Amino acid sequence: MRKDILEMIYHKYYYSLFLYAYSLTHHIHDAEDLVSETFIKAFLSYEENSGNIKNWLLVVLKNLFINEYKKKKRYVDYPIESIGNTYEILKNIIHDDRKRWMYSKIYELKEPSQSIILLQIQFELNDKEIAEYLHLSVDAVRTIRYRTKKHLKELAEKEGWL
């Protein structure tokens, strides 16, 4: 892949990939490493005819996470102090209080709700793309998203954000 194209892709998707990686790892340094490895893999192996770069990056990132998780699971667990406070980490990345609050609540969601919302917000994937990525039916994606948005709206109203 040409360097100028890779730079453009990097600038376009880094922020979204980082937030998604952080939602998977819950550790800022691991998320940064995961995104870096994803772009290295893109530089080394992505070819023009490989399909949609956005989806390809997501699949690579998630596969790298799964592989790394399996390795770490066998060896060492993180001490609880190293995980950090999600809200404080988001404070350095997202400067709008409402968005930061919303992302902190999204990161508290269980799977697949968390992934469905993040994939829609960060990567603007449609229902079919999300369903394929998460191996769910399109109807399941729609139902989970509807219930999750309803839950988040109720939380926002309860905590005075709406």
N, C-alpha and C. Protein backbone atom coordinates (compact mmCIF):
# COMPACT_ATOMS: atom_id res chain seq x y z
N MET A 1 0.85 -1.17 0.00
CA MET A 1 0.00 0.00 0.00
C MET A 1 0.89 1.23 0.00
N ARG A 2 0.51 2.24 -0.78
CA ARG A 2 1.30 3.47 -0.87
C ARG A 2 1.27 4.23 0.45
N LYS A 3 2.39 4.89 0.74
CA LYS A 3 2.54 5.60 2.00
C LYS A 3 1.51 6.72 2.16
N ASP A 4 1.25 7.49 1.10
CA ASP A 4 0.30 8.60 1.20
C ASP A 4 -1.12 8.10 1.47
N ILE A 5 -1.48 6.97 0.87
CA ILE A 5 -2.81 6.39 1.10
C ILE A 5 -2.91 5.88 2.54
N LEU A 6 -1.85 5.23 3.02
CA LEU A 6 -1.84 4.73 4.39
C LEU A 6 -1.96 5.89 5.38
N GLU A 7 -1.26 6.98 5.14
CA GLU A 7 -1.36 8.15 6.02
C GLU A 7 -2.78 8.70 6.05
N MET A 8 -3.42 8.78 4.90
CA MET A 8 -4.79 9.27 4.83
C MET A 8 -5.72 8.34 5.63
N ILE A 9 -5.55 7.05 5.46
CA ILE A 9 -6.37 6.06 6.17
C ILE A 9 -6.11 6.16 7.66
N TYR A 10 -4.85 6.32 8.04
CA TYR A 10 -4.48 6.45 9.44
C TYR A 10 -5.20 7.63 10.09
N HIS A 11 -5.11 8.79 9.45
CA HIS A 11 -5.74 10.00 10.00
C HIS A 11 -7.26 9.89 10.03
N LYS A 12 -7.82 9.19 9.09
CA LYS A 12 -9.27 9.07 9.02
C LYS A 12 -9.82 8.10 10.07
N TYR A 13 -9.10 7.01 10.36
CA TYR A 13 -9.65 5.95 11.20
C TYR A 13 -8.97 5.77 12.57
N TYR A 14 -7.87 6.46 12.82
CA TYR A 14 -7.16 6.22 14.09
C TYR A 14 -8.06 6.44 15.30
N TYR A 15 -8.72 7.57 15.37
CA TYR A 15 -9.55 7.92 16.52
C TYR A 15 -10.64 6.87 16.75
N SER A 16 -11.33 6.49 15.70
CA SER A 16 -12.40 5.50 15.82
C SER A 16 -11.85 4.14 16.22
N LEU A 17 -10.75 3.74 15.61
CA LEU A 17 -10.15 2.45 15.96
C LEU A 17 -9.66 2.44 17.40
N PHE A 18 -9.09 3.57 17.85
CA PHE A 18 -8.62 3.63 19.22
C PHE A 18 -9.78 3.48 20.21
N LEU A 19 -10.87 4.21 19.98
CA LEU A 19 -12.01 4.10 20.89
C LEU A 19 -12.58 2.68 20.89
N TYR A 20 -12.62 2.05 19.73
CA TYR A 20 -13.11 0.68 19.67
C TYR A 20 -12.13 -0.27 20.38
N ALA A 21 -10.84 -0.09 20.14
CA ALA A 21 -9.84 -0.93 20.79
C ALA A 21 -9.90 -0.75 22.31
N TYR A 22 -10.10 0.47 22.76
CA TYR A 22 -10.20 0.71 24.19
C TYR A 22 -11.43 0.02 24.78
N SER A 23 -12.51 -0.01 24.01
CA SER A 23 -13.72 -0.69 24.49
C SER A 23 -13.46 -2.19 24.66
N LEU A 24 -12.55 -2.73 23.88
CA LEU A 24 -12.22 -4.16 23.98
C LEU A 24 -11.22 -4.43 25.10
N THR A 25 -10.20 -3.59 25.22
CA THR A 25 -9.10 -3.86 26.15
C THR A 25 -9.30 -3.25 27.54
N HIS A 26 -9.98 -2.12 27.61
CA HIS A 26 -10.13 -1.36 28.86
C HIS A 26 -8.78 -0.95 29.43
N HIS A 27 -7.80 -0.83 28.58
CA HIS A 27 -6.46 -0.44 29.00
C HIS A 27 -5.88 0.43 27.89
N ILE A 28 -5.52 1.66 28.22
CA ILE A 28 -5.13 2.64 27.21
C ILE A 28 -3.91 2.19 26.41
N HIS A 29 -2.91 1.63 27.08
CA HIS A 29 -1.69 1.24 26.37
C HIS A 29 -1.92 0.03 25.45
N ASP A 30 -2.73 -0.89 25.91
CA ASP A 30 -3.07 -2.02 25.05
C ASP A 30 -3.87 -1.58 23.84
N ALA A 31 -4.76 -0.61 24.04
CA ALA A 31 -5.55 -0.09 22.91
C ALA A 31 -4.64 0.57 21.89
N GLU A 32 -3.68 1.37 22.37
CA GLU A 32 -2.73 2.02 21.46
C GLU A 32 -1.91 0.98 20.70
N ASP A 33 -1.44 -0.05 21.41
CA ASP A 33 -0.66 -1.11 20.77
C ASP A 33 -1.49 -1.84 19.71
N LEU A 34 -2.73 -2.11 20.05
CA LEU A 34 -3.63 -2.83 19.15
C LEU A 34 -3.86 -2.04 17.86
N VAL A 35 -4.08 -0.74 17.99
CA VAL A 35 -4.29 0.10 16.82
C VAL A 35 -3.01 0.18 15.99
N SER A 36 -1.88 0.30 16.65
CA SER A 36 -0.60 0.34 15.93
C SER A 36 -0.38 -0.95 15.15
N GLU A 37 -0.62 -2.07 15.79
CA GLU A 37 -0.45 -3.36 15.11
C GLU A 37 -1.42 -3.50 13.93
N THR A 38 -2.61 -2.96 14.10
CA THR A 38 -3.60 -3.00 13.01
C THR A 38 -3.08 -2.24 11.79
N PHE A 39 -2.53 -1.05 12.03
CA PHE A 39 -2.02 -0.27 10.90
C PHE A 39 -0.76 -0.88 10.30
N ILE A 40 0.06 -1.52 11.11
CA ILE A 40 1.23 -2.21 10.57
C ILE A 40 0.79 -3.33 9.65
N LYS A 41 -0.20 -4.08 10.12
CA LYS A 41 -0.73 -5.17 9.30
C LYS A 41 -1.32 -4.62 7.99
N ALA A 42 -2.00 -3.47 8.08
CA ALA A 42 -2.57 -2.85 6.88
C ALA A 42 -1.45 -2.47 5.91
N PHE A 43 -0.39 -1.89 6.44
CA PHE A 43 0.72 -1.48 5.60
C PHE A 43 1.37 -2.68 4.92
N LEU A 44 1.48 -3.79 5.64
CA LEU A 44 2.16 -4.96 5.10
C LEU A 44 1.29 -5.84 4.20
N SER A 45 -0.01 -5.90 4.47
CA SER A 45 -0.76 -6.92 3.76
C SER A 45 -2.05 -6.50 3.07
N TYR A 46 -2.50 -5.28 3.25
CA TYR A 46 -3.75 -4.89 2.59
C TYR A 46 -3.50 -4.65 1.10
N GLU A 47 -4.37 -5.19 0.28
CA GLU A 47 -4.28 -4.98 -1.16
C GLU A 47 -5.56 -4.30 -1.62
N GLU A 48 -5.47 -3.54 -2.68
CA GLU A 48 -6.59 -2.76 -3.19
C GLU A 48 -7.86 -3.59 -3.37
N ASN A 49 -7.73 -4.83 -3.78
CA ASN A 49 -8.90 -5.67 -4.06
C ASN A 49 -9.38 -6.46 -2.83
N SER A 50 -8.90 -6.07 -1.63
CA SER A 50 -9.29 -6.78 -0.41
C SER A 50 -10.65 -6.33 0.13
N GLY A 51 -11.28 -5.36 -0.50
CA GLY A 51 -12.59 -4.91 -0.05
C GLY A 51 -12.52 -3.60 0.71
N ASN A 52 -13.58 -3.33 1.44
CA ASN A 52 -13.73 -2.10 2.19
C ASN A 52 -12.66 -2.01 3.28
N ILE A 53 -11.82 -0.96 3.22
CA ILE A 53 -10.72 -0.81 4.18
C ILE A 53 -11.23 -0.66 5.60
N LYS A 54 -12.33 0.04 5.78
CA LYS A 54 -12.89 0.26 7.12
C LYS A 54 -13.25 -1.08 7.77
N ASN A 55 -13.98 -1.90 7.04
CA ASN A 55 -14.36 -3.21 7.57
C ASN A 55 -13.14 -4.10 7.78
N TRP A 56 -12.20 -4.03 6.86
CA TRP A 56 -10.99 -4.84 6.95
C TRP A 56 -10.21 -4.47 8.21
N LEU A 57 -10.06 -3.16 8.48
CA LEU A 57 -9.35 -2.72 9.67
C LEU A 57 -10.04 -3.22 10.95
N LEU A 58 -11.37 -3.16 10.96
CA LEU A 58 -12.12 -3.64 12.12
C LEU A 58 -11.89 -5.13 12.36
N VAL A 59 -11.95 -5.91 11.31
CA VAL A 59 -11.74 -7.36 11.44
C VAL A 59 -10.32 -7.65 11.92
N VAL A 60 -9.35 -6.96 11.36
CA VAL A 60 -7.96 -7.16 11.78
C VAL A 60 -7.79 -6.79 13.24
N LEU A 61 -8.33 -5.65 13.64
CA LEU A 61 -8.22 -5.20 15.03
C LEU A 61 -8.84 -6.21 15.98
N LYS A 62 -10.02 -6.67 15.66
CA LYS A 62 -10.69 -7.62 16.55
C LYS A 62 -9.93 -8.95 16.60
N ASN A 63 -9.44 -9.43 15.46
CA ASN A 63 -8.67 -10.67 15.45
C ASN A 63 -7.37 -10.54 16.24
N LEU A 64 -6.70 -9.40 16.11
CA LEU A 64 -5.49 -9.17 16.89
C LEU A 64 -5.81 -9.15 18.38
N PHE A 65 -6.93 -8.51 18.73
CA PHE A 65 -7.35 -8.49 20.13
C PHE A 65 -7.59 -9.90 20.66
N ILE A 66 -8.32 -10.70 19.90
CA ILE A 66 -8.63 -12.06 20.33
C ILE A 66 -7.35 -12.87 20.50
N ASN A 67 -6.43 -12.76 19.54
CA ASN A 67 -5.16 -13.48 19.64
C ASN A 67 -4.35 -13.04 20.87
N GLU A 68 -4.29 -11.73 21.08
CA GLU A 68 -3.55 -11.20 22.22
C GLU A 68 -4.21 -11.59 23.54
N TYR A 69 -5.52 -11.56 23.57
CA TYR A 69 -6.26 -11.94 24.77
C TYR A 69 -5.98 -13.39 25.14
N LYS A 70 -5.97 -14.25 24.14
CA LYS A 70 -5.70 -15.68 24.39
C LYS A 70 -4.29 -15.87 24.95
N LYS A 71 -3.33 -15.12 24.41
CA LYS A 71 -1.95 -15.23 24.91
C LYS A 71 -1.86 -14.75 26.36
N LYS A 72 -2.43 -13.59 26.63
CA LYS A 72 -2.33 -13.02 27.97
C LYS A 72 -3.11 -13.83 28.99
N LYS A 73 -4.18 -14.43 28.56
CA LYS A 73 -5.00 -15.23 29.46
C LYS A 73 -4.18 -16.41 29.99
N ARG A 74 -3.30 -16.91 29.15
CA ARG A 74 -2.46 -18.04 29.57
C ARG A 74 -1.36 -17.62 30.54
N TYR A 75 -0.93 -16.37 30.47
CA TYR A 75 0.23 -15.97 31.25
C TYR A 75 -0.08 -15.08 32.45
N VAL A 76 -0.50 -13.85 32.20
CA VAL A 76 -0.63 -12.88 33.29
C VAL A 76 -1.90 -12.08 33.14
N ASP A 77 -2.57 -11.85 34.24
CA ASP A 77 -3.69 -10.92 34.25
C ASP A 77 -3.18 -9.56 34.72
N TYR A 78 -3.83 -8.49 34.27
CA TYR A 78 -3.44 -7.15 34.69
C TYR A 78 -3.83 -6.92 36.14
N PRO A 79 -2.97 -6.23 36.88
CA PRO A 79 -3.42 -5.81 38.20
C PRO A 79 -4.53 -4.78 38.03
N ILE A 80 -5.45 -4.76 38.95
CA ILE A 80 -6.62 -3.91 38.82
C ILE A 80 -6.25 -2.43 38.71
N GLU A 81 -5.15 -2.00 39.32
CA GLU A 81 -4.75 -0.60 39.27
C GLU A 81 -4.37 -0.16 37.86
N SER A 82 -3.93 -1.08 37.02
CA SER A 82 -3.46 -0.70 35.68
C SER A 82 -4.59 -0.45 34.71
N ILE A 83 -5.81 -0.82 35.07
CA ILE A 83 -6.92 -0.66 34.15
C ILE A 83 -7.29 0.80 33.99
N GLY A 84 -7.30 1.55 35.06
CA GLY A 84 -7.57 2.98 34.97
C GLY A 84 -9.06 3.29 34.95
N ASN A 85 -9.35 4.56 35.10
CA ASN A 85 -10.72 5.05 35.13
C ASN A 85 -11.12 5.44 33.71
N THR A 86 -12.13 4.78 33.18
CA THR A 86 -12.57 5.03 31.81
C THR A 86 -12.92 6.50 31.60
N TYR A 87 -13.63 7.09 32.53
CA TYR A 87 -14.05 8.48 32.38
C TYR A 87 -12.84 9.40 32.29
N GLU A 88 -11.82 9.16 33.11
CA GLU A 88 -10.61 10.00 33.09
C GLU A 88 -9.85 9.85 31.77
N ILE A 89 -9.78 8.64 31.26
CA ILE A 89 -9.11 8.41 29.98
C ILE A 89 -9.87 9.10 28.86
N LEU A 90 -11.20 8.97 28.88
CA LEU A 90 -12.02 9.63 27.86
C LEU A 90 -11.91 11.14 27.94
N LYS A 91 -11.67 11.66 29.14
CA LYS A 91 -11.55 13.11 29.34
C LYS A 91 -10.40 13.68 28.50
N ASN A 92 -9.34 12.89 28.34
CA ASN A 92 -8.19 13.33 27.54
C ASN A 92 -8.44 13.22 26.04
N ILE A 93 -9.41 12.41 25.64
CA ILE A 93 -9.66 12.17 24.22
C ILE A 93 -10.87 12.95 23.72
N ILE A 94 -11.92 12.97 24.52
CA ILE A 94 -13.18 13.61 24.12
C ILE A 94 -13.40 14.82 25.02
N HIS A 95 -13.51 15.99 24.42
CA HIS A 95 -13.57 17.22 25.19
C HIS A 95 -15.00 17.70 25.46
N ASP A 96 -15.97 17.17 24.79
CA ASP A 96 -17.37 17.53 25.01
C ASP A 96 -17.92 16.67 26.16
N ASP A 97 -18.44 17.32 27.21
CA ASP A 97 -18.92 16.60 28.39
C ASP A 97 -20.01 15.60 28.08
N ARG A 98 -20.96 15.96 27.22
CA ARG A 98 -22.06 15.04 26.89
C ARG A 98 -21.55 13.80 26.17
N LYS A 99 -20.68 14.01 25.20
CA LYS A 99 -20.12 12.87 24.47
C LYS A 99 -19.31 11.97 25.40
N ARG A 100 -18.52 12.60 26.26
CA ARG A 100 -17.69 11.84 27.19
C ARG A 100 -18.58 11.01 28.13
N TRP A 101 -19.65 11.61 28.63
CA TRP A 101 -20.58 10.88 29.49
C TRP A 101 -21.19 9.70 28.73
N MET A 102 -21.61 9.97 27.47
CA MET A 102 -22.25 8.92 26.68
C MET A 102 -21.28 7.77 26.41
N TYR A 103 -20.04 8.10 26.02
CA TYR A 103 -19.07 7.03 25.77
C TYR A 103 -18.78 6.24 27.04
N SER A 104 -18.70 6.90 28.19
CA SER A 104 -18.45 6.16 29.43
C SER A 104 -19.59 5.19 29.70
N LYS A 105 -20.82 5.57 29.40
CA LYS A 105 -21.97 4.67 29.58
C LYS A 105 -21.97 3.55 28.53
N ILE A 106 -21.54 3.87 27.32
CA ILE A 106 -21.45 2.83 26.28
C ILE A 106 -20.42 1.78 26.68
N TYR A 107 -19.28 2.23 27.25
CA TYR A 107 -18.25 1.29 27.67
C TYR A 107 -18.68 0.41 28.83
N GLU A 108 -19.72 0.81 29.55
CA GLU A 108 -20.25 0.00 30.64
C GLU A 108 -21.22 -1.08 30.14
N LEU A 109 -21.67 -0.96 28.88
CA LEU A 109 -22.62 -1.92 28.33
C LEU A 109 -21.96 -3.29 28.14
N LYS A 110 -22.77 -4.31 28.13
CA LYS A 110 -22.29 -5.66 27.85
C LYS A 110 -22.31 -5.88 26.34
N GLU A 111 -21.57 -6.88 25.92
CA GLU A 111 -21.58 -7.28 24.51
C GLU A 111 -22.88 -8.01 24.21
N PRO A 112 -23.42 -7.94 23.04
CA PRO A 112 -22.99 -7.22 21.86
C PRO A 112 -23.50 -5.79 21.79
N SER A 113 -24.23 -5.33 22.82
CA SER A 113 -24.78 -3.97 22.79
C SER A 113 -23.69 -2.93 22.59
N GLN A 114 -22.60 -3.07 23.34
CA GLN A 114 -21.51 -2.12 23.23
C GLN A 114 -20.96 -2.05 21.81
N SER A 115 -20.68 -3.19 21.22
CA SER A 115 -20.11 -3.22 19.87
C SER A 115 -21.07 -2.66 18.83
N ILE A 116 -22.33 -3.00 18.96
CA ILE A 116 -23.32 -2.51 17.97
C ILE A 116 -23.36 -0.99 17.98
N ILE A 117 -23.42 -0.39 19.16
CA ILE A 117 -23.49 1.07 19.26
C ILE A 117 -22.18 1.70 18.76
N LEU A 118 -21.04 1.17 19.18
CA LEU A 118 -19.76 1.73 18.74
C LEU A 118 -19.55 1.60 17.24
N LEU A 119 -19.90 0.46 16.68
CA LEU A 119 -19.73 0.26 15.24
C LEU A 119 -20.62 1.21 14.45
N GLN A 120 -21.79 1.50 14.97
CA GLN A 120 -22.68 2.43 14.29
C GLN A 120 -22.16 3.86 14.42
N ILE A 121 -21.77 4.26 15.63
CA ILE A 121 -21.34 5.64 15.86
C ILE A 121 -19.97 5.92 15.24
N GLN A 122 -18.99 5.09 15.56
CA GLN A 122 -17.62 5.36 15.14
C GLN A 122 -17.34 5.04 13.68
N PHE A 123 -17.92 3.97 13.18
CA PHE A 123 -17.57 3.53 11.84
C PHE A 123 -18.71 3.67 10.84
N GLU A 124 -19.85 4.15 11.32
CA GLU A 124 -21.01 4.39 10.46
C GLU A 124 -21.37 3.16 9.64
N LEU A 125 -21.25 1.99 10.28
CA LEU A 125 -21.63 0.76 9.59
C LEU A 125 -23.14 0.63 9.59
N ASN A 126 -23.68 0.07 8.52
CA ASN A 126 -25.12 -0.16 8.47
C ASN A 126 -25.44 -1.48 9.18
N ASP A 127 -26.73 -1.75 9.32
CA ASP A 127 -27.16 -2.94 10.06
C ASP A 127 -26.60 -4.23 9.48
N LYS A 128 -26.58 -4.32 8.17
CA LYS A 128 -26.09 -5.53 7.52
C LYS A 128 -24.60 -5.74 7.80
N GLU A 129 -23.81 -4.66 7.72
CA GLU A 129 -22.37 -4.76 7.98
C GLU A 129 -22.10 -5.14 9.44
N ILE A 130 -22.86 -4.54 10.36
CA ILE A 130 -22.69 -4.87 11.78
C ILE A 130 -23.06 -6.33 12.01
N ALA A 131 -24.15 -6.78 11.42
CA ALA A 131 -24.60 -8.17 11.57
C ALA A 131 -23.53 -9.14 11.07
N GLU A 132 -22.95 -8.84 9.92
CA GLU A 132 -21.90 -9.71 9.38
C GLU A 132 -20.67 -9.73 10.29
N TYR A 133 -20.29 -8.56 10.75
CA TYR A 133 -19.10 -8.43 11.59
C TYR A 133 -19.26 -9.17 12.91
N LEU A 134 -20.45 -9.08 13.51
CA LEU A 134 -20.69 -9.70 14.82
C LEU A 134 -21.33 -11.09 14.74
N HIS A 135 -21.57 -11.55 13.51
CA HIS A 135 -22.20 -12.86 13.29
C HIS A 135 -23.57 -12.95 13.96
N LEU A 136 -24.38 -11.92 13.71
CA LEU A 136 -25.75 -11.85 14.20
C LEU A 136 -26.68 -11.64 13.02
N SER A 137 -27.97 -11.82 13.24
CA SER A 137 -28.93 -11.50 12.18
C SER A 137 -29.17 -9.99 12.19
N VAL A 138 -29.62 -9.46 11.07
CA VAL A 138 -29.91 -8.04 10.96
C VAL A 138 -31.01 -7.65 11.95
N ASP A 139 -32.01 -8.50 12.09
CA ASP A 139 -33.09 -8.23 13.04
C ASP A 139 -32.57 -8.17 14.48
N ALA A 140 -31.64 -9.05 14.81
CA ALA A 140 -31.07 -9.03 16.16
C ALA A 140 -30.31 -7.73 16.41
N VAL A 141 -29.56 -7.28 15.41
CA VAL A 141 -28.83 -6.01 15.53
C VAL A 141 -29.81 -4.87 15.77
N ARG A 142 -30.87 -4.82 14.99
CA ARG A 142 -31.86 -3.74 15.14
C ARG A 142 -32.52 -3.77 16.51
N THR A 143 -32.88 -4.95 16.98
CA THR A 143 -33.54 -5.08 18.28
C THR A 143 -32.60 -4.67 19.41
N ILE A 144 -31.37 -5.16 19.38
CA ILE A 144 -30.40 -4.84 20.42
C ILE A 144 -30.10 -3.34 20.42
N ARG A 145 -29.93 -2.76 19.24
CA ARG A 145 -29.65 -1.32 19.15
C ARG A 145 -30.82 -0.51 19.71
N TYR A 146 -32.04 -0.88 19.36
CA TYR A 146 -33.21 -0.16 19.84
C TYR A 146 -33.27 -0.20 21.38
N ARG A 147 -33.11 -1.38 21.94
CA ARG A 147 -33.17 -1.54 23.40
C ARG A 147 -32.03 -0.79 24.09
N THR A 148 -30.86 -0.83 23.48
CA THR A 148 -29.70 -0.16 24.06
C THR A 148 -29.87 1.35 24.03
N LYS A 149 -30.34 1.88 22.91
CA LYS A 149 -30.58 3.32 22.83
C LYS A 149 -31.64 3.76 23.83
N LYS A 150 -32.66 2.96 23.98
CA LYS A 150 -33.72 3.26 24.95
C LYS A 150 -33.14 3.29 26.36
N HIS A 151 -32.30 2.31 26.68
CA HIS A 151 -31.64 2.24 27.99
C HIS A 151 -30.75 3.47 28.22
N LEU A 152 -29.95 3.83 27.20
CA LEU A 152 -29.06 4.98 27.33
C LEU A 152 -29.85 6.28 27.49
N LYS A 153 -30.96 6.39 26.79
CA LYS A 153 -31.81 7.58 26.91
C LYS A 153 -32.38 7.68 28.32
N GLU A 154 -32.84 6.56 28.87
CA GLU A 154 -33.36 6.55 30.23
C GLU A 154 -32.28 6.96 31.24
N LEU A 155 -31.07 6.46 31.05
CA LEU A 155 -29.95 6.84 31.92
C LEU A 155 -29.66 8.34 31.82
N ALA A 156 -29.67 8.86 30.59
CA ALA A 156 -29.39 10.28 30.37
C ALA A 156 -30.45 11.15 31.04
N GLU A 157 -31.70 10.75 30.93
CA GLU A 157 -32.78 11.50 31.58
C GLU A 157 -32.65 11.42 33.09
N LYS A 158 -32.35 10.24 33.61
CA LYS A 158 -32.21 10.03 35.06
C LYS A 158 -31.06 10.86 35.63
N GLU A 159 -29.96 10.95 34.88
CA GLU A 159 -28.78 11.66 35.37
C GLU A 159 -28.72 13.12 34.92
N GLY A 160 -29.79 13.59 34.26
CA GLY A 160 -29.90 15.00 33.91
C GLY A 160 -29.14 15.44 32.67
N TRP A 161 -28.81 14.53 31.79
CA TRP A 161 -28.11 14.89 30.56
C TRP A 161 -29.07 15.20 29.42
N LEU A 162 -30.35 14.90 29.58
CA LEU A 162 -31.35 15.23 28.57
C LEU A 162 -32.40 16.13 29.17
